[in-house]
């Protein structure tokens, strides 16, 4: 039985994930974290039957209960701190919240290896978003010119989304040299070319983030070649259900390898 702590239990994904953890035959919810719902029963807080698990206000409180895996679906300003705190306590961690950068992930990987625990972080735990990444990485082997358009709701607090950021970092490692004029050589307002993300041998991938109503999270990988284009796009709907299966898979397999792994595709054959 895998004992699970769910941070962000009353958030958009947490409300869908919590019942799935409870319904699983080999998972047991032992603690939950939500500052706004602290002190309430986890089930009642999301509108289902009481579960006998009182929501903690902090990760430190939740970690006082013996557990195996911490799942974090909190916010950009909390996820890094929560992850390092869980690692220090000897827990494996599944990171679903966005907002972490390359330096954050390097620190997490180092800490996880020192404590001999596994961390699996993904910008998006949906199967179709994972396929977007896989197909885009294959396309980048043949078409070096690629840029990303990242769409999200007007209120999303971080930019780009975890999905767009993870995709750009991965593409930068495999794509060839772009034929577009370097941003440093442009006139006008160079910032309109977006931000370069990734540290591959041919530089980062340009990412353009849109934030407006009617979007949840959508990501496009746009490839350009002579007289042709390829666009690979993923759109999230209004339900968090697509993220549940991928997160459950990560919970089951995060302990297989010490250190950090990025992306749900790291678990897919």
C-alpha atoms as a PDB file:
ATOM      1  CA  UNK A   1       0.000   0.000   0.000  1.00  0.00           C
ATOM      2  CA  UNK A   2       1.411   3.385  -1.043  1.00  0.00           C
ATOM      3  CA  UNK A   3       0.661   6.115   1.494  1.00  0.00           C
ATOM      4  CA  UNK A   4      -0.001   9.438  -0.229  1.00  0.00           C
ATOM      5  CA  UNK A   5       0.082  13.084   0.821  1.00  0.00           C
ATOM      6  CA  UNK A   6      -1.822  15.382  -1.545  1.00  0.00           C
ATOM      7  CA  UNK A   7      -0.826  19.059  -1.500  1.00  0.00           C
ATOM      8  CA  UNK A   8      -3.281  21.331  -3.253  1.00  0.00           C
ATOM      9  CA  UNK A   9      -6.096  18.966  -2.338  1.00  0.00           C
ATOM     10  CA  UNK A  10      -8.882  21.495  -2.878  1.00  0.00           C
ATOM     11  CA  UNK A  11      -7.496  22.978  -6.099  1.00  0.00           C
ATOM     12  CA  UNK A  12      -8.690  22.322  -9.627  1.00  0.00           C
ATOM     13  CA  UNK A  13      -6.703  19.109 -10.135  1.00  0.00           C
ATOM     14  CA  UNK A  14      -6.713  18.109  -6.473  1.00  0.00           C
ATOM     15  CA  UNK A  15     -10.517  17.909  -6.368  1.00  0.00           C
ATOM     16  CA  UNK A  16     -10.465  15.353  -9.192  1.00  0.00           C
ATOM     17  CA  UNK A  17      -7.400  13.475  -7.974  1.00  0.00           C
ATOM     18  CA  UNK A  18      -8.354  13.041  -4.326  1.00  0.00           C
ATOM     19  CA  UNK A  19     -11.354  10.727  -4.957  1.00  0.00           C
ATOM     20  CA  UNK A  20      -9.280   8.697  -7.426  1.00  0.00           C
ATOM     21  CA  UNK A  21      -6.587   8.114  -4.800  1.00  0.00           C
ATOM     22  CA  UNK A  22      -9.208   7.056  -2.258  1.00  0.00           C
ATOM     23  CA  UNK A  23     -10.826   4.671  -4.771  1.00  0.00           C
ATOM     24  CA  UNK A  24      -7.529   2.976  -5.671  1.00  0.00           C
ATOM     25  CA  UNK A  25      -6.943  -0.485  -4.184  1.00  0.00           C
ATOM     26  CA  UNK A  26      -3.245   0.082  -3.527  1.00  0.00           C
ATOM     27  CA  UNK A  27      -3.147   3.768  -2.549  1.00  0.00           C
ATOM     28  CA  UNK A  28      -4.114   5.306   0.786  1.00  0.00           C
ATOM     29  CA  UNK A  29      -4.585   9.018   1.405  1.00  0.00           C
ATOM     30  CA  UNK A  30      -2.928   9.746   4.750  1.00  0.00           C
ATOM     31  CA  UNK A  31      -2.645  13.539   4.639  1.00  0.00           C
ATOM     32  CA  UNK A  32      -3.731  16.526   2.592  1.00  0.00           C
ATOM     33  CA  UNK A  33      -2.591  20.144   2.411  1.00  0.00           C
ATOM     34  CA  UNK A  34      -4.616  23.271   1.668  1.00  0.00           C
ATOM     35  CA  UNK A  35      -4.150  26.575   3.454  1.00  0.00           C
ATOM     36  CA  UNK A  36      -7.691  27.737   2.735  1.00  0.00           C
ATOM     37  CA  UNK A  37      -9.353  24.512   3.918  1.00  0.00           C
ATOM     38  CA  UNK A  38      -7.040  23.681   6.827  1.00  0.00           C
ATOM     39  CA  UNK A  39      -8.776  21.935   9.711  1.00  0.00           C
ATOM     40  CA  UNK A  40     -11.596  20.518   7.578  1.00  0.00           C
ATOM     41  CA  UNK A  41     -12.128  16.909   6.573  1.00  0.00           C
ATOM     42  CA  UNK A  42     -10.606  16.391   3.121  1.00  0.00           C
ATOM     43  CA  UNK A  43     -13.729  14.774   1.709  1.00  0.00           C
ATOM     44  CA  UNK A  44     -16.115  17.399   3.026  1.00  0.00           C
ATOM     45  CA  UNK A  45     -13.839  20.176   1.719  1.00  0.00           C
ATOM     46  CA  UNK A  46     -14.332  18.991  -1.873  1.00  0.00           C
ATOM     47  CA  UNK A  47     -18.007  18.083  -1.483  1.00  0.00           C
ATOM     48  CA  UNK A  48     -17.834  14.301  -1.060  1.00  0.00           C
ATOM     49  CA  UNK A  49     -18.302  11.981   1.931  1.00  0.00           C
ATOM     50  CA  UNK A  50     -15.989  12.477   4.935  1.00  0.00           C
ATOM     51  CA  UNK A  51     -12.686  10.621   4.595  1.00  0.00           C
ATOM     52  CA  UNK A  52     -11.324  10.863   8.104  1.00  0.00           C
ATOM     53  CA  UNK A  53      -8.316  12.889   6.913  1.00  0.00           C
ATOM     54  CA  UNK A  54      -8.013  16.403   8.325  1.00  0.00           C
ATOM     55  CA  UNK A  55      -6.450  18.924   5.950  1.00  0.00           C
ATOM     56  CA  UNK A  56      -3.160  20.427   7.138  1.00  0.00           C
ATOM     57  CA  UNK A  57      -2.221  24.063   6.577  1.00  0.00           C
ATOM     58  CA  UNK A  58       1.431  23.374   5.763  1.00  0.00           C
ATOM     59  CA  UNK A  59       3.609  20.688   4.247  1.00  0.00           C
ATOM     60  CA  UNK A  60       5.479  20.378   7.546  1.00  0.00           C
ATOM     61  CA  UNK A  61       2.241  19.430   9.318  1.00  0.00           C
ATOM     62  CA  UNK A  62       1.383  16.863   6.650  1.00  0.00           C
ATOM     63  CA  UNK A  63       4.833  15.294   6.760  1.00  0.00           C
ATOM     64  CA  UNK A  64       4.381  14.544  10.449  1.00  0.00           C
ATOM     65  CA  UNK A  65       2.185  11.647   9.287  1.00  0.00           C
ATOM     66  CA  UNK A  66       4.171   8.655   7.925  1.00  0.00           C
ATOM     67  CA  UNK A  67       3.850   8.520   4.125  1.00  0.00           C
ATOM     68  CA  UNK A  68       5.585   7.316   0.988  1.00  0.00           C
ATOM     69  CA  UNK A  69       4.746   9.763  -1.824  1.00  0.00           C
ATOM     70  CA  UNK A  70       3.898  13.457  -1.797  1.00  0.00           C
ATOM     71  CA  UNK A  71       1.895  14.807  -4.738  1.00  0.00           C
ATOM     72  CA  UNK A  72       2.089  18.578  -5.191  1.00  0.00           C
ATOM     73  CA  UNK A  73      -0.554  20.463  -7.141  1.00  0.00           C
ATOM     74  CA  UNK A  74      -0.148  23.756  -5.307  1.00  0.00           C
ATOM     75  CA  UNK A  75       1.105  27.043  -6.782  1.00  0.00           C
ATOM     76  CA  UNK A  76       4.363  28.406  -8.261  1.00  0.00           C
ATOM     77  CA  UNK A  77       5.304  30.210  -5.051  1.00  0.00           C
ATOM     78  CA  UNK A  78       4.969  27.047  -2.937  1.00  0.00           C
ATOM     79  CA  UNK A  79       5.864  24.030  -5.055  1.00  0.00           C
ATOM     80  CA  UNK A  80       9.642  24.349  -4.912  1.00  0.00           C
ATOM     81  CA  UNK A  81       9.711  24.771  -1.148  1.00  0.00           C
ATOM     82  CA  UNK A  82       7.226  21.925  -0.647  1.00  0.00           C
ATOM     83  CA  UNK A  83       9.224  19.579  -2.858  1.00  0.00           C
ATOM     84  CA  UNK A  84      12.532  20.173  -1.085  1.00  0.00           C
ATOM     85  CA  UNK A  85      10.811  19.822   2.287  1.00  0.00           C
ATOM     86  CA  UNK A  86       9.297  16.479   1.276  1.00  0.00           C
ATOM     87  CA  UNK A  87      12.628  15.233  -0.101  1.00  0.00           C
ATOM     88  CA  UNK A  88      14.384  16.192   3.139  1.00  0.00           C
ATOM     89  CA  UNK A  89      11.798  14.076   4.976  1.00  0.00           C
ATOM     90  CA  UNK A  90      12.653  11.093   2.766  1.00  0.00           C
ATOM     91  CA  UNK A  91       9.482  11.125   0.653  1.00  0.00           C
ATOM     92  CA  UNK A  92       9.232  10.496  -3.071  1.00  0.00           C
ATOM     93  CA  UNK A  93       7.554  13.417  -4.846  1.00  0.00           C
ATOM     94  CA  UNK A  94       5.260  13.823  -7.847  1.00  0.00           C
ATOM     95  CA  UNK A  95       5.283  17.474  -8.990  1.00  0.00           C
ATOM     96  CA  UNK A  96       2.243  18.613 -10.935  1.00  0.00           C
ATOM     97  CA  UNK A  97       2.390  22.329 -10.157  1.00  0.00           C
ATOM     98  CA  UNK A  98       4.143  24.649 -12.600  1.00  0.00           C
ATOM     99  CA  UNK A  99       6.527  27.542 -12.054  1.00  0.00           C
ATOM    100  CA  UNK A 100       9.874  25.789 -11.505  1.00  0.00           C
ATOM    101  CA  UNK A 101      12.911  26.696 -13.616  1.00  0.00           C
ATOM    102  CA  UNK A 102      16.163  24.982 -14.536  1.00  0.00           C
ATOM    103  CA  UNK A 103      17.924  26.064 -11.330  1.00  0.00           C
ATOM    104  CA  UNK A 104      15.021  24.791  -9.226  1.00  0.00           C
ATOM    105  CA  UNK A 105      15.080  21.423 -10.946  1.00  0.00           C
ATOM    106  CA  UNK A 106      18.846  21.141 -10.527  1.00  0.00           C
ATOM    107  CA  UNK A 107      18.507  21.717  -6.774  1.00  0.00           C
ATOM    108  CA  UNK A 108      15.667  19.205  -6.561  1.00  0.00           C
ATOM    109  CA  UNK A 109      17.637  16.574  -8.470  1.00  0.00           C
ATOM    110  CA  UNK A 110      20.671  17.053  -6.229  1.00  0.00           C
ATOM    111  CA  UNK A 111      18.595  16.816  -3.060  1.00  0.00           C
ATOM    112  CA  UNK A 112      16.703  13.749  -4.274  1.00  0.00           C
ATOM    113  CA  UNK A 113      19.899  11.887  -5.151  1.00  0.00           C
ATOM    114  CA  UNK A 114      21.400  12.704  -1.774  1.00  0.00           C
ATOM    115  CA  UNK A 115      18.306  11.328  -0.020  1.00  0.00           C
ATOM    116  CA  UNK A 116      17.942   8.411  -2.480  1.00  0.00           C
ATOM    117  CA  UNK A 117      14.345   9.289  -3.338  1.00  0.00           C
ATOM    118  CA  UNK A 118      12.596   9.714  -6.675  1.00  0.00           C
ATOM    119  CA  UNK A 119      10.974  12.863  -8.034  1.00  0.00           C
ATOM    120  CA  UNK A 120       8.825  12.941 -11.146  1.00  0.00           C
ATOM    121  CA  UNK A 121       7.861  16.390 -12.417  1.00  0.00           C
ATOM    122  CA  UNK A 122       5.655  17.018 -15.429  1.00  0.00           C
ATOM    123  CA  UNK A 123       4.307  20.190 -16.928  1.00  0.00           C
ATOM    124  CA  UNK A 124       1.203  18.229 -17.852  1.00  0.00           C
ATOM    125  CA  UNK A 125       0.118  14.772 -16.725  1.00  0.00           C
ATOM    126  CA  UNK A 126      -2.460  14.221 -19.460  1.00  0.00           C
ATOM    127  CA  UNK A 127      -1.777  11.466 -21.973  1.00  0.00           C
ATOM    128  CA  UNK A 128      -2.504  13.647 -25.019  1.00  0.00           C
ATOM    129  CA  UNK A 129      -0.185  16.425 -23.796  1.00  0.00           C
ATOM    130  CA  UNK A 130       2.498  13.785 -23.341  1.00  0.00           C
ATOM    131  CA  UNK A 131       1.919  12.640 -26.914  1.00  0.00           C
ATOM    132  CA  UNK A 132       2.272  16.252 -28.108  1.00  0.00           C
ATOM    133  CA  UNK A 133       5.743  16.303 -26.579  1.00  0.00           C
ATOM    134  CA  UNK A 134       6.677  12.933 -28.070  1.00  0.00           C
ATOM    135  CA  UNK A 135       5.494  13.854 -31.585  1.00  0.00           C
ATOM    136  CA  UNK A 136       7.138  17.290 -31.420  1.00  0.00           C
ATOM    137  CA  UNK A 137      10.477  15.794 -30.393  1.00  0.00           C
ATOM    138  CA  UNK A 138      10.285  13.421 -33.352  1.00  0.00           C
ATOM    139  CA  UNK A 139       9.469  16.290 -35.735  1.00  0.00           C
ATOM    140  CA  UNK A 140      12.373  18.362 -34.390  1.00  0.00           C
ATOM    141  CA  UNK A 141      14.815  15.727 -35.641  1.00  0.00           C
ATOM    142  CA  UNK A 142      13.870  16.694 -39.195  1.00  0.00           C
ATOM    143  CA  UNK A 143      12.673  20.309 -38.966  1.00  0.00           C
ATOM    144  CA  UNK A 144      14.968  22.605 -36.955  1.00  0.00           C
ATOM    145  CA  UNK A 145      12.772  25.725 -37.088  1.00  0.00           C
ATOM    146  CA  UNK A 146      10.270  25.425 -34.247  1.00  0.00           C
ATOM    147  CA  UNK A 147       8.587  27.897 -31.947  1.00  0.00           C
ATOM    148  CA  UNK A 148       5.931  27.452 -29.261  1.00  0.00           C
ATOM    149  CA  UNK A 149       2.710  29.342 -28.652  1.00  0.00           C
ATOM    150  CA  UNK A 150       1.489  28.940 -25.085  1.00  0.00           C
ATOM    151  CA  UNK A 151      -2.130  29.818 -24.272  1.00  0.00           C
ATOM    152  CA  UNK A 152      -3.711  30.003 -20.814  1.00  0.00           C
ATOM    153  CA  UNK A 153      -6.447  31.733 -18.873  1.00  0.00           C
ATOM    154  CA  UNK A 154      -6.243  35.426 -18.048  1.00  0.00           C
ATOM    155  CA  UNK A 155      -5.665  34.646 -14.376  1.00  0.00           C
ATOM    156  CA  UNK A 156      -2.859  32.091 -14.687  1.00  0.00           C
ATOM    157  CA  UNK A 157      -0.099  33.366 -12.363  1.00  0.00           C
ATOM    158  CA  UNK A 158       2.952  31.964 -14.152  1.00  0.00           C
ATOM    159  CA  UNK A 159       4.218  32.202 -17.704  1.00  0.00           C
ATOM    160  CA  UNK A 160       4.741  30.153 -19.710  1.00  0.00           C
ATOM    161  CA  UNK A 161       2.729  27.170 -18.550  1.00  0.00           C
ATOM    162  CA  UNK A 162       4.568  24.143 -17.240  1.00  0.00           C
ATOM    163  CA  UNK A 163       3.547  22.348 -20.421  1.00  0.00           C
ATOM    164  CA  UNK A 164       5.100  24.985 -22.678  1.00  0.00           C
ATOM    165  CA  UNK A 165       8.220  25.342 -20.591  1.00  0.00           C
ATOM    166  CA  UNK A 166       8.903  21.608 -20.422  1.00  0.00           C
ATOM    167  CA  UNK A 167       8.306  21.266 -24.166  1.00  0.00           C
ATOM    168  CA  UNK A 168      10.679  24.124 -25.019  1.00  0.00           C
ATOM    169  CA  UNK A 169      13.439  22.766 -22.811  1.00  0.00           C
ATOM    170  CA  UNK A 170      13.123  19.305 -24.347  1.00  0.00           C
ATOM    171  CA  UNK A 171      13.011  20.607 -27.933  1.00  0.00           C
ATOM    172  CA  UNK A 172      16.099  22.756 -27.413  1.00  0.00           C
ATOM    173  CA  UNK A 173      18.130  19.617 -26.729  1.00  0.00           C
ATOM    174  CA  UNK A 174      17.279  17.884 -30.015  1.00  0.00           C
ATOM    175  CA  UNK A 175      16.484  20.455 -32.676  1.00  0.00           C
ATOM    176  CA  UNK A 176      19.021  21.740 -35.217  1.00  0.00           C
ATOM    177  CA  UNK A 177      20.084  25.340 -35.789  1.00  0.00           C
ATOM    178  CA  UNK A 178      17.180  27.639 -36.658  1.00  0.00           C
ATOM    179  CA  UNK A 179      17.300  29.630 -39.890  1.00  0.00           C
ATOM    180  CA  UNK A 180      15.534  32.664 -38.382  1.00  0.00           C
ATOM    181  CA  UNK A 181      17.569  35.792 -37.704  1.00  0.00           C
ATOM    182  CA  UNK A 182      18.891  35.830 -34.118  1.00  0.00           C
ATOM    183  CA  UNK A 183      16.892  38.056 -31.780  1.00  0.00           C
ATOM    184  CA  UNK A 184      20.027  40.041 -30.918  1.00  0.00           C
ATOM    185  CA  UNK A 185      20.251  41.147 -34.573  1.00  0.00           C
ATOM    186  CA  UNK A 186      16.666  42.424 -34.774  1.00  0.00           C
ATOM    187  CA  UNK A 187      15.523  46.036 -34.705  1.00  0.00           C
ATOM    188  CA  UNK A 188      12.158  47.406 -33.618  1.00  0.00           C
ATOM    189  CA  UNK A 189      10.964  45.755 -30.392  1.00  0.00           C
ATOM    190  CA  UNK A 190      12.875  42.449 -30.091  1.00  0.00           C
ATOM    191  CA  UNK A 191      10.817  41.405 -27.048  1.00  0.00           C
ATOM    192  CA  UNK A 192       7.907  40.684 -29.385  1.00  0.00           C
ATOM    193  CA  UNK A 193       9.834  37.607 -30.571  1.00  0.00           C
ATOM    194  CA  UNK A 194       9.058  35.960 -27.237  1.00  0.00           C
ATOM    195  CA  UNK A 195      11.509  34.382 -24.812  1.00  0.00           C
ATOM    196  CA  UNK A 196      14.123  31.748 -25.593  1.00  0.00           C
ATOM    197  CA  UNK A 197      13.757  28.762 -23.253  1.00  0.00           C
ATOM    198  CA  UNK A 198      16.139  25.825 -23.056  1.00  0.00           C
ATOM    199  CA  UNK A 199      19.862  25.265 -23.045  1.00  0.00           C
ATOM    200  CA  UNK A 200      20.434  23.033 -26.059  1.00  0.00           C
ATOM    201  CA  UNK A 201      23.450  23.246 -28.360  1.00  0.00           C
ATOM    202  CA  UNK A 202      21.553  25.494 -30.766  1.00  0.00           C
ATOM    203  CA  UNK A 203      20.075  27.766 -28.143  1.00  0.00           C
ATOM    204  CA  UNK A 204      16.636  28.008 -26.638  1.00  0.00           C
ATOM    205  CA  UNK A 205      13.277  27.691 -28.359  1.00  0.00           C
ATOM    206  CA  UNK A 206      11.221  30.880 -28.725  1.00  0.00           C
ATOM    207  CA  UNK A 207       8.033  30.761 -26.645  1.00  0.00           C
ATOM    208  CA  UNK A 208       5.150  33.201 -27.002  1.00  0.00           C
ATOM    209  CA  UNK A 209       2.621  33.269 -24.146  1.00  0.00           C
ATOM    210  CA  UNK A 210      -0.975  34.450 -24.516  1.00  0.00           C
ATOM    211  CA  UNK A 211      -3.131  35.009 -21.428  1.00  0.00           C
ATOM    212  CA  UNK A 212      -6.820  35.643 -22.007  1.00  0.00           C
ATOM    213  CA  UNK A 213     -10.323  34.403 -21.163  1.00  0.00           C
ATOM    214  CA  UNK A 214     -11.706  31.193 -22.725  1.00  0.00           C
ATOM    215  CA  UNK A 215      -8.415  29.272 -22.531  1.00  0.00           C
ATOM    216  CA  UNK A 216      -7.422  26.734 -19.888  1.00  0.00           C
ATOM    217  CA  UNK A 217      -4.045  25.562 -21.180  1.00  0.00           C
ATOM    218  CA  UNK A 218      -3.241  25.074 -24.861  1.00  0.00           C
ATOM    219  CA  UNK A 219       0.170  24.603 -26.418  1.00  0.00           C
ATOM    220  CA  UNK A 220       1.230  24.678 -30.072  1.00  0.00           C
ATOM    221  CA  UNK A 221       4.551  23.522 -31.454  1.00  0.00           C
ATOM    222  CA  UNK A 222       4.862  25.269 -34.825  1.00  0.00           C
ATOM    223  CA  UNK A 223       7.427  23.870 -37.276  1.00  0.00           C
ATOM    224  CA  UNK A 224       8.399  25.719 -40.435  1.00  0.00           C
ATOM    225  CA  UNK A 225      10.225  24.373 -43.485  1.00  0.00           C
ATOM    226  CA  UNK A 226      10.575  25.526 -47.082  1.00  0.00           C
ATOM    227  CA  UNK A 227       7.018  25.966 -48.440  1.00  0.00           C
ATOM    228  CA  UNK A 228       5.385  23.919 -45.677  1.00  0.00           C
ATOM    229  CA  UNK A 229       4.426  24.029 -42.004  1.00  0.00           C
ATOM    230  CA  UNK A 230       3.515  21.544 -39.317  1.00  0.00           C
ATOM    231  CA  UNK A 231       1.486  22.505 -36.230  1.00  0.00           C
ATOM    232  CA  UNK A 232       1.082  20.087 -33.341  1.00  0.00           C
ATOM    233  CA  UNK A 233      -1.366  21.345 -30.710  1.00  0.00           C
ATOM    234  CA  UNK A 234      -2.817  20.219 -27.412  1.00  0.00           C
ATOM    235  CA  UNK A 235      -5.926  21.778 -25.844  1.00  0.00           C
ATOM    236  CA  UNK A 236      -7.071  21.238 -22.265  1.00  0.00           C
ATOM    237  CA  UNK A 237     -10.767  21.298 -21.498  1.00  0.00           C
ATOM    238  CA  UNK A 238     -12.490  22.629 -18.401  1.00  0.00           C
ATOM    239  CA  UNK A 239     -12.226  19.330 -16.485  1.00  0.00           C
ATOM    240  CA  UNK A 240      -9.150  18.128 -14.600  1.00  0.00           C
ATOM    241  CA  UNK A 241     -10.038  14.494 -15.328  1.00  0.00           C
ATOM    242  CA  UNK A 242      -7.341  14.039 -18.048  1.00  0.00           C
ATOM    243  CA  UNK A 243      -4.601  14.641 -15.465  1.00  0.00           C
ATOM    244  CA  UNK A 244      -5.745  11.958 -13.054  1.00  0.00           C
ATOM    245  CA  UNK A 245      -4.603   8.800 -14.843  1.00  0.00           C
ATOM    246  CA  UNK A 246      -1.136  10.182 -15.523  1.00  0.00           C
ATOM    247  CA  UNK A 247      -0.702  11.319 -11.932  1.00  0.00           C
ATOM    248  CA  UNK A 248      -1.762   7.922 -10.591  1.00  0.00           C
ATOM    249  CA  UNK A 249       0.788   6.293 -12.900  1.00  0.00           C
ATOM    250  CA  UNK A 250       3.470   8.630 -11.551  1.00  0.00           C
ATOM    251  CA  UNK A 251       2.542   7.838  -7.935  1.00  0.00           C
ATOM    252  CA  UNK A 252       2.960   4.138  -8.634  1.00  0.00           C
ATOM    253  CA  UNK A 253       6.326   4.506 -10.378  1.00  0.00           C
ATOM    254  CA  UNK A 254       8.091   7.533  -8.890  1.00  0.00           C
ATOM    255  CA  UNK A 255      10.080   5.355  -6.466  1.00  0.00           C
ATOM    256  CA  UNK A 256      11.657   3.284  -9.252  1.00  0.00           C
ATOM    257  CA  UNK A 257      14.635   5.588  -9.764  1.00  0.00           C
ATOM    258  CA  UNK A 258      16.409   8.045  -7.431  1.00  0.00           C
ATOM    259  CA  UNK A 259      16.753  11.632  -8.589  1.00  0.00           C
ATOM    260  CA  UNK A 260      14.614  13.790 -10.830  1.00  0.00           C
ATOM    261  CA  UNK A 261      12.796  12.678 -13.958  1.00  0.00           C
ATOM    262  CA  UNK A 262      11.030  15.217 -16.166  1.00  0.00           C
ATOM    263  CA  UNK A 263       7.831  14.524 -18.059  1.00  0.00           C
ATOM    264  CA  UNK A 264       5.269  11.742 -18.018  1.00  0.00           C
ATOM    265  CA  UNK A 265       6.913  10.441 -21.189  1.00  0.00           C
ATOM    266  CA  UNK A 266       9.838   9.269 -19.034  1.00  0.00           C
ATOM    267  CA  UNK A 267       7.499   6.491 -17.852  1.00  0.00           C
ATOM    268  CA  UNK A 268       6.172   5.559 -21.271  1.00  0.00           C
ATOM    269  CA  UNK A 269       7.845   2.831 -23.320  1.00  0.00           C
END
